[in-house]
N, C-alpha and C. Protein backbone atom coordinates (compact mmCIF):
# COMPACT_ATOMS: atom_id res chain seq x y z
N MET A 1 69.13 -70.99 45.01
CA MET A 1 69.55 -69.65 44.56
C MET A 1 70.86 -69.26 45.24
N ILE A 2 71.68 -68.53 44.55
CA ILE A 2 72.95 -68.06 45.10
C ILE A 2 72.70 -66.94 46.10
N THR A 3 73.41 -67.01 47.21
CA THR A 3 73.41 -65.94 48.20
C THR A 3 74.81 -65.36 48.27
N VAL A 4 74.89 -64.05 48.16
CA VAL A 4 76.16 -63.35 48.31
C VAL A 4 76.20 -62.74 49.70
N HIS A 5 77.19 -63.13 50.47
CA HIS A 5 77.39 -62.55 51.80
C HIS A 5 78.24 -61.31 51.59
N HIS A 6 77.57 -60.17 51.58
CA HIS A 6 78.13 -58.92 51.05
C HIS A 6 78.51 -57.96 52.16
N LEU A 7 79.80 -57.67 52.25
CA LEU A 7 80.33 -56.70 53.20
C LEU A 7 80.43 -55.34 52.51
N ASN A 8 79.97 -54.31 53.17
CA ASN A 8 80.03 -52.98 52.56
C ASN A 8 81.47 -52.57 52.25
N ASN A 9 81.65 -51.83 51.18
CA ASN A 9 82.97 -51.32 50.78
C ASN A 9 84.03 -52.42 50.70
N SER A 10 83.72 -53.45 49.95
CA SER A 10 84.65 -54.57 49.89
C SER A 10 84.67 -55.21 48.51
N ARG A 11 85.50 -56.22 48.37
CA ARG A 11 85.63 -56.95 47.13
C ARG A 11 84.33 -57.64 46.71
N SER A 12 83.43 -57.84 47.63
CA SER A 12 82.19 -58.54 47.27
C SER A 12 81.34 -57.73 46.31
N GLN A 13 81.59 -56.41 46.20
CA GLN A 13 80.83 -55.60 45.24
C GLN A 13 81.03 -56.12 43.82
N ARG A 14 82.24 -56.56 43.50
CA ARG A 14 82.48 -57.03 42.14
C ARG A 14 81.82 -58.38 41.87
N ILE A 15 81.50 -59.14 42.92
CA ILE A 15 80.75 -60.38 42.73
C ILE A 15 79.30 -60.06 42.36
N LEU A 16 78.75 -59.03 43.00
CA LEU A 16 77.41 -58.58 42.61
C LEU A 16 77.42 -58.14 41.14
N TRP A 17 78.45 -57.42 40.77
CA TRP A 17 78.57 -56.96 39.39
C TRP A 17 78.64 -58.13 38.42
N LEU A 18 79.44 -59.13 38.75
CA LEU A 18 79.55 -60.30 37.88
C LEU A 18 78.21 -61.00 37.72
N LEU A 19 77.48 -61.15 38.81
CA LEU A 19 76.17 -61.79 38.74
C LEU A 19 75.20 -60.99 37.86
N GLU A 20 75.30 -59.67 37.92
CA GLU A 20 74.48 -58.83 37.05
C GLU A 20 74.88 -59.00 35.60
N GLU A 21 76.17 -59.12 35.33
CA GLU A 21 76.64 -59.35 33.96
C GLU A 21 76.13 -60.68 33.42
N ILE A 22 76.12 -61.69 34.27
CA ILE A 22 75.64 -63.01 33.87
C ILE A 22 74.12 -63.01 33.70
N GLY A 23 73.44 -62.16 34.48
CA GLY A 23 71.99 -62.15 34.45
C GLY A 23 71.39 -63.22 35.33
N LEU A 24 72.08 -63.55 36.40
CA LEU A 24 71.65 -64.62 37.29
C LEU A 24 70.95 -64.05 38.52
N GLU A 25 69.85 -64.67 38.91
CA GLU A 25 69.15 -64.23 40.12
C GLU A 25 69.99 -64.59 41.34
N TYR A 26 69.96 -63.72 42.33
CA TYR A 26 70.72 -63.96 43.56
C TYR A 26 70.11 -63.17 44.70
N GLU A 27 70.47 -63.58 45.89
CA GLU A 27 70.07 -62.88 47.11
C GLU A 27 71.30 -62.28 47.76
N ILE A 28 71.10 -61.23 48.52
CA ILE A 28 72.21 -60.59 49.24
C ILE A 28 71.92 -60.64 50.74
N LYS A 29 72.93 -61.08 51.49
CA LYS A 29 72.89 -60.91 52.94
C LYS A 29 73.93 -59.86 53.28
N TYR A 30 73.49 -58.78 53.90
CA TYR A 30 74.34 -57.61 54.11
C TYR A 30 75.06 -57.67 55.45
N TYR A 31 76.31 -57.22 55.43
CA TYR A 31 77.13 -57.12 56.64
C TYR A 31 77.79 -55.74 56.64
N GLU A 32 77.99 -55.18 57.82
CA GLU A 32 78.61 -53.86 57.95
C GLU A 32 79.93 -53.97 58.69
N ARG A 33 80.91 -53.22 58.22
CA ARG A 33 82.19 -53.16 58.89
C ARG A 33 82.07 -52.48 60.26
N ASP A 34 82.94 -52.85 61.18
CA ASP A 34 83.05 -52.13 62.44
C ASP A 34 83.57 -50.72 62.13
N PRO A 35 82.88 -49.67 62.57
CA PRO A 35 83.29 -48.31 62.19
C PRO A 35 84.64 -47.90 62.76
N GLN A 36 85.09 -48.56 63.81
CA GLN A 36 86.38 -48.22 64.41
C GLN A 36 87.53 -49.01 63.76
N THR A 37 87.36 -50.32 63.68
CA THR A 37 88.44 -51.17 63.16
C THR A 37 88.36 -51.36 61.65
N MET A 38 87.20 -51.12 61.06
CA MET A 38 86.92 -51.36 59.64
C MET A 38 86.96 -52.84 59.28
N LEU A 39 86.93 -53.72 60.28
CA LEU A 39 86.95 -55.16 60.04
C LEU A 39 85.52 -55.69 59.86
N ALA A 40 85.44 -56.86 59.25
CA ALA A 40 84.14 -57.51 59.06
C ALA A 40 83.60 -57.98 60.41
N PRO A 41 82.28 -58.07 60.55
CA PRO A 41 81.71 -58.52 61.82
C PRO A 41 81.97 -60.01 62.05
N ALA A 42 81.94 -60.41 63.29
CA ALA A 42 82.20 -61.81 63.65
C ALA A 42 81.15 -62.74 63.05
N SER A 43 79.97 -62.22 62.74
CA SER A 43 78.91 -63.07 62.19
C SER A 43 79.30 -63.70 60.86
N LEU A 44 80.25 -63.12 60.14
CA LEU A 44 80.68 -63.73 58.89
C LEU A 44 81.42 -65.05 59.11
N ARG A 45 81.95 -65.25 60.32
CA ARG A 45 82.62 -66.51 60.61
C ARG A 45 81.64 -67.68 60.68
N GLN A 46 80.38 -67.37 60.85
CA GLN A 46 79.37 -68.43 60.82
C GLN A 46 79.15 -68.95 59.42
N VAL A 47 79.55 -68.17 58.44
CA VAL A 47 79.42 -68.58 57.03
C VAL A 47 80.69 -69.26 56.57
N HIS A 48 81.84 -68.66 56.91
CA HIS A 48 83.15 -69.20 56.54
C HIS A 48 84.11 -68.93 57.70
N PRO A 49 84.97 -69.90 58.06
CA PRO A 49 85.81 -69.76 59.25
C PRO A 49 86.69 -68.52 59.28
N LEU A 50 87.11 -68.01 58.12
CA LEU A 50 87.97 -66.83 58.10
C LEU A 50 87.21 -65.53 58.31
N GLY A 51 85.90 -65.57 58.16
CA GLY A 51 85.10 -64.38 58.39
C GLY A 51 85.39 -63.24 57.44
N LYS A 52 85.71 -63.59 56.18
CA LYS A 52 86.03 -62.59 55.18
C LYS A 52 84.92 -62.51 54.14
N SER A 53 84.98 -61.45 53.34
CA SER A 53 84.04 -61.28 52.23
C SER A 53 84.86 -61.01 50.98
N PRO A 54 84.45 -61.54 49.82
CA PRO A 54 83.16 -62.18 49.55
C PRO A 54 83.12 -63.66 49.91
N VAL A 55 81.92 -64.09 50.20
CA VAL A 55 81.59 -65.50 50.33
C VAL A 55 80.24 -65.69 49.64
N ILE A 56 80.09 -66.78 48.91
CA ILE A 56 78.78 -67.11 48.35
C ILE A 56 78.37 -68.48 48.83
N THR A 57 77.07 -68.70 48.87
CA THR A 57 76.53 -70.04 49.05
C THR A 57 75.66 -70.33 47.84
N ASP A 58 75.81 -71.55 47.35
CA ASP A 58 75.04 -72.01 46.20
C ASP A 58 74.55 -73.40 46.55
N GLY A 59 73.30 -73.48 47.00
CA GLY A 59 72.82 -74.75 47.54
C GLY A 59 73.55 -75.07 48.83
N THR A 60 74.17 -76.25 48.87
CA THR A 60 74.91 -76.65 50.07
C THR A 60 76.38 -76.25 50.00
N MET A 61 76.79 -75.65 48.91
CA MET A 61 78.19 -75.29 48.71
C MET A 61 78.47 -73.87 49.18
N THR A 62 79.57 -73.71 49.92
CA THR A 62 80.04 -72.40 50.35
C THR A 62 81.41 -72.17 49.73
N LEU A 63 81.59 -70.98 49.14
CA LEU A 63 82.85 -70.69 48.45
C LEU A 63 83.31 -69.29 48.80
N ALA A 64 84.59 -69.18 49.16
CA ALA A 64 85.22 -67.89 49.44
C ALA A 64 86.31 -67.62 48.41
N GLU A 65 86.93 -66.46 48.52
CA GLU A 65 88.00 -65.98 47.63
C GLU A 65 87.44 -65.45 46.31
N SER A 66 87.74 -64.18 46.05
CA SER A 66 87.19 -63.51 44.87
C SER A 66 87.49 -64.25 43.57
N GLY A 67 88.75 -64.65 43.39
CA GLY A 67 89.13 -65.33 42.16
C GLY A 67 88.41 -66.64 41.97
N ALA A 68 88.31 -67.42 43.04
CA ALA A 68 87.63 -68.71 42.96
C ALA A 68 86.14 -68.52 42.68
N ILE A 69 85.53 -67.53 43.31
CA ILE A 69 84.11 -67.26 43.09
C ILE A 69 83.87 -66.80 41.65
N THR A 70 84.72 -65.89 41.18
CA THR A 70 84.59 -65.39 39.81
C THR A 70 84.72 -66.53 38.81
N ASP A 71 85.71 -67.38 39.00
CA ASP A 71 85.94 -68.51 38.10
C ASP A 71 84.74 -69.46 38.13
N TYR A 72 84.23 -69.75 39.31
CA TYR A 72 83.10 -70.66 39.47
C TYR A 72 81.85 -70.12 38.78
N LEU A 73 81.51 -68.87 39.06
CA LEU A 73 80.27 -68.31 38.51
C LEU A 73 80.34 -68.18 37.00
N ALA A 74 81.48 -67.69 36.50
CA ALA A 74 81.60 -67.48 35.05
C ALA A 74 81.56 -68.79 34.29
N ASN A 75 82.21 -69.82 34.83
CA ASN A 75 82.25 -71.11 34.13
C ASN A 75 80.95 -71.89 34.28
N ARG A 76 80.34 -71.82 35.45
CA ARG A 76 79.13 -72.62 35.66
C ARG A 76 77.89 -71.97 35.06
N TYR A 77 77.81 -70.65 35.15
CA TYR A 77 76.56 -69.99 34.78
C TYR A 77 76.70 -69.03 33.59
N GLY A 78 77.91 -68.81 33.12
CA GLY A 78 78.10 -67.81 32.08
C GLY A 78 77.69 -68.24 30.69
N GLU A 79 77.42 -69.53 30.50
CA GLU A 79 76.97 -70.07 29.21
C GLU A 79 77.89 -69.67 28.06
N GLY A 80 79.20 -69.78 28.32
CA GLY A 80 80.17 -69.48 27.28
C GLY A 80 80.53 -68.04 27.14
N ARG A 81 79.84 -67.16 27.86
CA ARG A 81 80.18 -65.74 27.84
C ARG A 81 81.17 -65.45 28.97
N LEU A 82 81.91 -64.38 28.83
CA LEU A 82 82.80 -63.85 29.87
C LEU A 82 84.06 -64.68 30.10
N VAL A 83 84.18 -65.82 29.44
CA VAL A 83 85.38 -66.66 29.55
C VAL A 83 85.79 -67.09 28.15
N PRO A 84 87.05 -66.86 27.74
CA PRO A 84 87.48 -67.30 26.41
C PRO A 84 87.47 -68.81 26.27
N PRO A 85 87.41 -69.33 25.06
CA PRO A 85 87.39 -70.79 24.85
C PRO A 85 88.64 -71.46 25.42
N PRO A 86 88.51 -72.71 25.89
CA PRO A 86 89.67 -73.44 26.41
C PRO A 86 90.75 -73.60 25.36
N GLU A 87 91.99 -73.74 25.84
CA GLU A 87 93.14 -74.02 24.99
C GLU A 87 93.35 -72.99 23.89
N THR A 88 93.11 -71.73 24.26
CA THR A 88 93.40 -70.62 23.36
C THR A 88 94.34 -69.66 24.07
N PRO A 89 95.08 -68.84 23.32
CA PRO A 89 95.92 -67.83 23.98
C PRO A 89 95.12 -66.89 24.86
N GLU A 90 93.88 -66.61 24.43
CA GLU A 90 93.03 -65.71 25.22
C GLU A 90 92.66 -66.32 26.57
N ARG A 91 92.45 -67.64 26.58
CA ARG A 91 92.11 -68.31 27.84
C ARG A 91 93.29 -68.24 28.81
N LEU A 92 94.49 -68.42 28.31
CA LEU A 92 95.68 -68.33 29.17
C LEU A 92 95.83 -66.92 29.72
N ARG A 93 95.60 -65.93 28.86
CA ARG A 93 95.68 -64.54 29.30
C ARG A 93 94.59 -64.23 30.33
N TYR A 94 93.42 -64.76 30.10
CA TYR A 94 92.30 -64.61 31.05
C TYR A 94 92.70 -65.16 32.42
N THR A 95 93.27 -66.36 32.44
CA THR A 95 93.67 -66.99 33.71
C THR A 95 94.74 -66.16 34.40
N TYR A 96 95.66 -65.64 33.61
CA TYR A 96 96.72 -64.80 34.18
C TYR A 96 96.14 -63.61 34.92
N TRP A 97 95.25 -62.83 34.27
CA TRP A 97 94.71 -61.64 34.90
C TRP A 97 93.80 -61.98 36.08
N LEU A 98 93.12 -63.11 35.99
CA LEU A 98 92.26 -63.54 37.09
C LEU A 98 93.07 -63.71 38.38
N HIS A 99 94.29 -64.22 38.25
CA HIS A 99 95.15 -64.44 39.42
C HIS A 99 96.00 -63.21 39.75
N TYR A 100 96.38 -62.47 38.72
CA TYR A 100 97.23 -61.29 38.93
C TYR A 100 96.56 -60.28 39.86
N ALA A 101 95.25 -60.12 39.74
CA ALA A 101 94.54 -59.09 40.48
C ALA A 101 94.83 -59.15 41.98
N GLU A 102 94.70 -60.33 42.56
CA GLU A 102 94.93 -60.48 44.00
C GLU A 102 96.37 -60.91 44.31
N GLY A 103 96.99 -61.66 43.41
CA GLY A 103 98.32 -62.18 43.69
C GLY A 103 99.43 -61.17 43.54
N SER A 104 99.28 -60.20 42.63
CA SER A 104 100.34 -59.24 42.36
C SER A 104 99.92 -57.78 42.59
N ALA A 105 98.75 -57.41 42.10
CA ALA A 105 98.34 -56.00 42.17
C ALA A 105 97.95 -55.57 43.57
N MET A 106 97.24 -56.41 44.31
CA MET A 106 96.69 -55.99 45.59
C MET A 106 97.70 -55.91 46.74
N PRO A 107 98.71 -56.79 46.84
CA PRO A 107 99.60 -56.72 48.02
C PRO A 107 100.24 -55.35 48.26
N PRO A 108 100.85 -54.68 47.26
CA PRO A 108 101.43 -53.37 47.58
C PRO A 108 100.38 -52.32 47.93
N LEU A 109 99.18 -52.43 47.36
CA LEU A 109 98.12 -51.49 47.70
C LEU A 109 97.68 -51.68 49.15
N LEU A 110 97.59 -52.92 49.59
CA LEU A 110 97.21 -53.19 50.97
C LEU A 110 98.31 -52.75 51.94
N LEU A 111 99.57 -52.97 51.57
CA LEU A 111 100.67 -52.49 52.40
C LEU A 111 100.61 -50.97 52.55
N ASN A 112 100.33 -50.29 51.45
CA ASN A 112 100.23 -48.84 51.50
C ASN A 112 99.11 -48.39 52.43
N LEU A 113 97.98 -49.10 52.38
CA LEU A 113 96.85 -48.78 53.25
C LEU A 113 97.23 -48.98 54.72
N VAL A 114 97.93 -50.08 55.01
CA VAL A 114 98.34 -50.37 56.39
C VAL A 114 99.27 -49.28 56.92
N PHE A 115 100.27 -48.90 56.14
CA PHE A 115 101.22 -47.89 56.60
C PHE A 115 100.59 -46.50 56.69
N ASP A 116 99.64 -46.21 55.83
CA ASP A 116 98.89 -44.95 55.97
C ASP A 116 98.18 -44.90 57.31
N ARG A 117 97.59 -46.02 57.69
CA ARG A 117 96.84 -46.05 58.95
C ARG A 117 97.76 -45.99 60.15
N ILE A 118 98.95 -46.54 60.02
CA ILE A 118 99.92 -46.42 61.11
C ILE A 118 100.21 -44.95 61.38
N GLU A 119 100.38 -44.17 60.31
CA GLU A 119 100.66 -42.74 60.46
C GLU A 119 99.49 -41.99 61.08
N GLN A 120 98.27 -42.49 60.86
CA GLN A 120 97.08 -41.79 61.34
C GLN A 120 96.66 -42.22 62.75
N GLU A 121 97.19 -43.35 63.23
CA GLU A 121 96.78 -43.88 64.53
C GLU A 121 97.27 -42.97 65.66
N PRO A 122 96.44 -42.81 66.71
CA PRO A 122 96.92 -42.06 67.88
C PRO A 122 97.98 -42.88 68.62
N LEU A 123 99.15 -42.32 68.77
CA LEU A 123 100.27 -42.99 69.43
C LEU A 123 100.88 -42.06 70.47
N PRO A 124 101.59 -42.60 71.46
CA PRO A 124 102.31 -41.74 72.41
C PRO A 124 103.23 -40.78 71.67
N PHE A 125 103.37 -39.56 72.18
CA PHE A 125 104.10 -38.52 71.45
C PHE A 125 105.53 -38.90 71.14
N PHE A 126 106.15 -39.74 71.99
CA PHE A 126 107.54 -40.12 71.77
C PHE A 126 107.67 -41.27 70.76
N VAL A 127 106.57 -41.93 70.46
CA VAL A 127 106.59 -43.04 69.50
C VAL A 127 106.18 -42.57 68.11
N LYS A 128 105.26 -41.63 68.06
CA LYS A 128 104.66 -41.23 66.78
C LYS A 128 105.70 -40.77 65.75
N PRO A 129 106.68 -39.91 66.10
CA PRO A 129 107.66 -39.50 65.08
C PRO A 129 108.45 -40.67 64.50
N ILE A 130 108.77 -41.65 65.34
CA ILE A 130 109.52 -42.82 64.87
C ILE A 130 108.66 -43.66 63.94
N ALA A 131 107.40 -43.85 64.35
CA ALA A 131 106.48 -44.65 63.52
C ALA A 131 106.26 -43.98 62.17
N LYS A 132 106.10 -42.67 62.17
CA LYS A 132 105.89 -41.94 60.90
C LYS A 132 107.13 -42.00 60.02
N LEU A 133 108.30 -41.93 60.63
CA LEU A 133 109.54 -42.00 59.85
C LEU A 133 109.69 -43.37 59.21
N ILE A 134 109.45 -44.43 59.98
CA ILE A 134 109.54 -45.79 59.44
C ILE A 134 108.53 -45.99 58.31
N SER A 135 107.31 -45.53 58.56
CA SER A 135 106.26 -45.66 57.55
C SER A 135 106.62 -44.91 56.28
N SER A 136 107.06 -43.67 56.43
CA SER A 136 107.40 -42.85 55.27
C SER A 136 108.52 -43.47 54.45
N ARG A 137 109.55 -43.96 55.12
CA ARG A 137 110.69 -44.54 54.40
C ARG A 137 110.31 -45.85 53.74
N THR A 138 109.47 -46.63 54.40
CA THR A 138 109.04 -47.90 53.80
C THR A 138 108.22 -47.65 52.54
N LYS A 139 107.33 -46.67 52.61
CA LYS A 139 106.51 -46.35 51.44
C LYS A 139 107.35 -45.80 50.30
N SER A 140 108.26 -44.89 50.62
CA SER A 140 109.03 -44.25 49.55
C SER A 140 110.06 -45.17 48.92
N SER A 141 110.62 -46.08 49.73
CA SER A 141 111.70 -46.94 49.21
C SER A 141 111.20 -48.24 48.61
N PHE A 142 110.03 -48.69 49.04
CA PHE A 142 109.56 -50.00 48.56
C PHE A 142 108.13 -49.98 48.02
N ILE A 143 107.18 -49.52 48.83
CA ILE A 143 105.77 -49.67 48.45
C ILE A 143 105.42 -48.82 47.24
N SER A 144 105.72 -47.54 47.28
CA SER A 144 105.36 -46.65 46.17
C SER A 144 106.02 -47.06 44.85
N PRO A 145 107.30 -47.43 44.84
CA PRO A 145 107.89 -47.91 43.59
C PRO A 145 107.22 -49.17 43.05
N GLN A 146 106.81 -50.06 43.95
CA GLN A 146 106.11 -51.27 43.52
C GLN A 146 104.77 -50.93 42.88
N ILE A 147 104.02 -50.04 43.52
CA ILE A 147 102.73 -49.64 42.96
C ILE A 147 102.92 -48.99 41.60
N ALA A 148 103.91 -48.10 41.50
CA ALA A 148 104.16 -47.43 40.22
C ALA A 148 104.53 -48.43 39.14
N GLN A 149 105.35 -49.41 39.47
CA GLN A 149 105.75 -50.43 38.50
C GLN A 149 104.55 -51.21 37.99
N HIS A 150 103.69 -51.63 38.90
CA HIS A 150 102.52 -52.41 38.50
C HIS A 150 101.56 -51.58 37.64
N PHE A 151 101.34 -50.34 38.02
CA PHE A 151 100.34 -49.57 37.29
C PHE A 151 100.88 -48.96 36.01
N ASP A 152 102.18 -48.81 35.92
CA ASP A 152 102.77 -48.50 34.62
C ASP A 152 102.57 -49.68 33.67
N TYR A 153 102.74 -50.87 34.20
CA TYR A 153 102.53 -52.10 33.41
C TYR A 153 101.09 -52.20 32.94
N LEU A 154 100.15 -51.96 33.84
CA LEU A 154 98.73 -52.04 33.47
C LEU A 154 98.37 -50.98 32.45
N GLU A 155 98.90 -49.79 32.61
CA GLU A 155 98.67 -48.72 31.65
C GLU A 155 99.14 -49.13 30.26
N ALA A 156 100.31 -49.73 30.19
CA ALA A 156 100.85 -50.17 28.90
C ALA A 156 100.01 -51.29 28.30
N GLU A 157 99.56 -52.23 29.12
CA GLU A 157 98.74 -53.34 28.62
C GLU A 157 97.43 -52.85 28.04
N LEU A 158 96.84 -51.85 28.68
CA LEU A 158 95.56 -51.33 28.18
C LEU A 158 95.76 -50.39 26.99
N GLY A 159 97.00 -50.14 26.63
CA GLY A 159 97.26 -49.45 25.38
C GLY A 159 97.19 -50.38 24.18
N LYS A 160 97.12 -51.70 24.45
CA LYS A 160 97.09 -52.71 23.39
C LYS A 160 95.67 -53.15 23.04
N SER A 161 94.74 -53.02 23.97
CA SER A 161 93.37 -53.51 23.74
C SER A 161 92.41 -52.80 24.68
N LEU A 162 91.11 -52.90 24.40
CA LEU A 162 90.10 -52.25 25.23
C LEU A 162 90.00 -52.88 26.61
N TRP A 163 90.12 -54.21 26.66
CA TRP A 163 89.97 -54.95 27.91
C TRP A 163 91.24 -55.77 28.14
N PHE A 164 91.36 -56.38 29.31
CA PHE A 164 92.62 -57.02 29.64
C PHE A 164 92.91 -58.26 28.80
N VAL A 165 91.89 -58.96 28.36
CA VAL A 165 92.12 -60.16 27.57
C VAL A 165 92.15 -59.84 26.07
N GLY A 166 91.61 -58.72 25.70
CA GLY A 166 91.53 -58.34 24.28
C GLY A 166 90.45 -57.31 24.09
N ASP A 167 89.74 -57.40 22.99
CA ASP A 167 88.68 -56.43 22.72
C ASP A 167 87.31 -56.89 23.19
N GLU A 168 87.27 -58.03 23.88
CA GLU A 168 86.02 -58.53 24.47
C GLU A 168 86.10 -58.47 25.99
N PHE A 169 85.07 -57.93 26.61
CA PHE A 169 84.96 -57.90 28.06
C PHE A 169 84.87 -59.33 28.60
N THR A 170 85.61 -59.62 29.68
CA THR A 170 85.55 -60.94 30.32
C THR A 170 85.43 -60.79 31.83
N ALA A 171 85.24 -61.91 32.50
CA ALA A 171 85.18 -61.91 33.96
C ALA A 171 86.51 -61.47 34.58
N ALA A 172 87.61 -61.58 33.84
CA ALA A 172 88.89 -61.09 34.35
C ALA A 172 88.86 -59.59 34.56
N ASP A 173 88.08 -58.87 33.77
CA ASP A 173 87.94 -57.43 33.96
C ASP A 173 87.19 -57.12 35.25
N VAL A 174 86.24 -57.95 35.59
CA VAL A 174 85.55 -57.79 36.88
C VAL A 174 86.54 -57.96 38.01
N GLN A 175 87.37 -58.98 37.92
CA GLN A 175 88.36 -59.26 38.96
C GLN A 175 89.40 -58.14 39.05
N MET A 176 89.79 -57.59 37.92
CA MET A 176 90.81 -56.55 37.91
C MET A 176 90.29 -55.19 38.37
N SER A 177 88.98 -55.03 38.42
CA SER A 177 88.42 -53.71 38.71
C SER A 177 88.81 -53.21 40.10
N PHE A 178 88.85 -54.09 41.09
CA PHE A 178 89.04 -53.63 42.47
C PHE A 178 90.41 -52.98 42.69
N PRO A 179 91.52 -53.63 42.32
CA PRO A 179 92.80 -52.95 42.53
C PRO A 179 92.93 -51.65 41.76
N ILE A 180 92.35 -51.57 40.58
CA ILE A 180 92.45 -50.34 39.80
C ILE A 180 91.63 -49.22 40.45
N GLU A 181 90.45 -49.55 40.95
CA GLU A 181 89.66 -48.54 41.66
C GLU A 181 90.35 -48.12 42.95
N MET A 182 90.96 -49.07 43.64
CA MET A 182 91.61 -48.76 44.91
C MET A 182 92.83 -47.87 44.72
N ALA A 183 93.46 -47.93 43.57
CA ALA A 183 94.70 -47.19 43.33
C ALA A 183 94.48 -45.70 43.09
N ARG A 184 93.23 -45.26 42.96
CA ARG A 184 92.93 -43.84 42.74
C ARG A 184 93.70 -43.30 41.53
N ILE A 185 93.44 -43.89 40.39
CA ILE A 185 94.12 -43.53 39.15
C ILE A 185 93.84 -42.07 38.78
N ASP A 186 94.86 -41.38 38.27
CA ASP A 186 94.65 -40.00 37.83
C ASP A 186 95.00 -39.87 36.35
N ALA A 187 94.99 -38.63 35.87
CA ALA A 187 95.15 -38.37 34.44
C ALA A 187 96.51 -38.77 33.89
N SER A 188 97.47 -39.05 34.77
CA SER A 188 98.79 -39.46 34.30
C SER A 188 98.76 -40.85 33.67
N ARG A 189 97.67 -41.57 33.86
CA ARG A 189 97.50 -42.90 33.26
C ARG A 189 96.17 -42.92 32.50
N PRO A 190 96.15 -42.30 31.33
CA PRO A 190 94.88 -42.12 30.60
C PRO A 190 94.22 -43.42 30.17
N ASN A 191 95.00 -44.46 29.86
CA ASN A 191 94.38 -45.73 29.46
C ASN A 191 93.60 -46.35 30.61
N LEU A 192 94.13 -46.23 31.81
CA LEU A 192 93.42 -46.76 32.97
C LEU A 192 92.20 -45.91 33.31
N VAL A 193 92.30 -44.61 33.13
CA VAL A 193 91.14 -43.74 33.35
C VAL A 193 90.01 -44.11 32.40
N LYS A 194 90.34 -44.30 31.12
CA LYS A 194 89.32 -44.68 30.14
C LYS A 194 88.75 -46.06 30.45
N TYR A 195 89.60 -46.95 30.93
CA TYR A 195 89.15 -48.29 31.30
C TYR A 195 88.12 -48.21 32.42
N LEU A 196 88.41 -47.42 33.44
CA LEU A 196 87.44 -47.26 34.54
C LEU A 196 86.15 -46.62 34.04
N ASP A 197 86.26 -45.69 33.14
CA ASP A 197 85.04 -45.08 32.58
C ASP A 197 84.19 -46.13 31.87
N ARG A 198 84.84 -47.02 31.12
CA ARG A 198 84.10 -48.09 30.43
C ARG A 198 83.43 -49.02 31.43
N ILE A 199 84.14 -49.35 32.49
CA ILE A 199 83.58 -50.21 33.54
C ILE A 199 82.36 -49.55 34.19
N HIS A 200 82.55 -48.31 34.61
CA HIS A 200 81.51 -47.63 35.38
C HIS A 200 80.27 -47.34 34.57
N SER A 201 80.39 -47.31 33.26
CA SER A 201 79.24 -47.03 32.41
C SER A 201 78.45 -48.29 32.04
N ARG A 202 78.96 -49.45 32.42
CA ARG A 202 78.23 -50.67 32.08
C ARG A 202 76.94 -50.77 32.91
N PRO A 203 75.82 -51.10 32.28
CA PRO A 203 74.56 -51.20 33.03
C PRO A 203 74.64 -52.18 34.20
N ALA A 204 75.32 -53.30 34.01
CA ALA A 204 75.42 -54.29 35.09
C ALA A 204 76.16 -53.74 36.29
N TYR A 205 77.19 -52.93 36.05
CA TYR A 205 77.93 -52.30 37.14
C TYR A 205 77.01 -51.38 37.93
N GLN A 206 76.22 -50.58 37.22
CA GLN A 206 75.29 -49.66 37.87
C GLN A 206 74.20 -50.41 38.64
N GLN A 207 73.74 -51.51 38.08
CA GLN A 207 72.72 -52.31 38.77
C GLN A 207 73.27 -52.92 40.05
N ALA A 208 74.53 -53.35 40.00
CA ALA A 208 75.15 -53.92 41.19
C ALA A 208 75.32 -52.86 42.28
N LEU A 209 75.67 -51.64 41.89
CA LEU A 209 75.77 -50.56 42.87
C LEU A 209 74.42 -50.29 43.53
N ALA A 210 73.37 -50.31 42.73
CA ALA A 210 72.03 -50.05 43.26
C ALA A 210 71.63 -51.10 44.29
N ARG A 211 72.03 -52.35 44.05
CA ARG A 211 71.67 -53.42 44.97
C ARG A 211 72.63 -53.52 46.16
N GLY A 212 73.91 -53.24 45.91
CA GLY A 212 74.91 -53.44 46.96
C GLY A 212 74.99 -52.34 47.99
N GLY A 213 74.55 -51.13 47.62
CA GLY A 213 74.62 -50.02 48.54
C GLY A 213 75.90 -49.23 48.38
N THR A 214 76.17 -48.38 49.35
CA THR A 214 77.32 -47.48 49.29
C THR A 214 78.61 -48.26 49.04
N TYR A 215 79.39 -47.75 48.10
CA TYR A 215 80.63 -48.43 47.73
C TYR A 215 81.74 -47.39 47.69
N GLU A 216 82.49 -47.32 48.77
CA GLU A 216 83.61 -46.39 48.88
C GLU A 216 84.84 -47.19 49.24
N ILE A 217 85.76 -47.33 48.30
CA ILE A 217 86.95 -48.12 48.54
C ILE A 217 87.88 -47.37 49.48
N PRO A 218 88.43 -48.04 50.51
CA PRO A 218 89.34 -47.34 51.44
C PRO A 218 90.53 -46.75 50.71
N SER A 219 90.99 -45.60 51.20
CA SER A 219 92.17 -44.97 50.63
C SER A 219 93.05 -44.43 51.75
C-alpha cells in the first residue's frame, strides 16, 4: 500500500487529493512543522535525505518531488484517467503544466514569502530599516512584477478552457492547484477565482482535506 509522508500545510496535501481522485487506498504518516522555523522535522530525513514533503513509499520504492509523484501515480494507477493519451497535443500541454507549476510559478511566490519574513523578523534597530528597504525594493522591482506576469498569463489561459489542459480535469490541475492557492487570488482575476471554486467543490478535494487535517498555505 502507498504511504504518504504528509507534512501539515504543504504540497503533500495535493498528493492526498490526487490519490482520492484516483480512488486508491493509502496510508498517511503525519509530520508537523516546527512552529518557530516552519521547517519540516528532522524525522523526514529518515524517509528521504532532503527531509522534504511530499514523499511517498510504494512497496520498496521511495519517491519525492510533487511533479514526479503526480506523474507516477497518475500513470501507474490512473487507468487512463487524469492523463491525456500519448502523442497528442493535450499530452504535451499536460506535461507543460505539470512542470510549469514548480519550475515557473512557484519560484517568485517563494521569493515573496522569504522577503516578507525578512521584514517580519526581529532585527537590531539599526539593521531593520535597511533590511526592510532592500526587501521592499526587491519585491516592487522584481518579485511582484514576475508574479503579476505569471498570474495574468494563467488568467488568460483559463479564459480558453475550464481546466489547464482543456475541458477535462487532469492530474496537471492537481499540480497547478498549490501555486494558485498560495497566490491569494482576488476578484481581479475572475477566471482563476472560478477555477479555485471548481477545485474546492470536488468531492475528492474535500475528502483529502478531511484526511490530511488543517491546510493553511503560508502567506
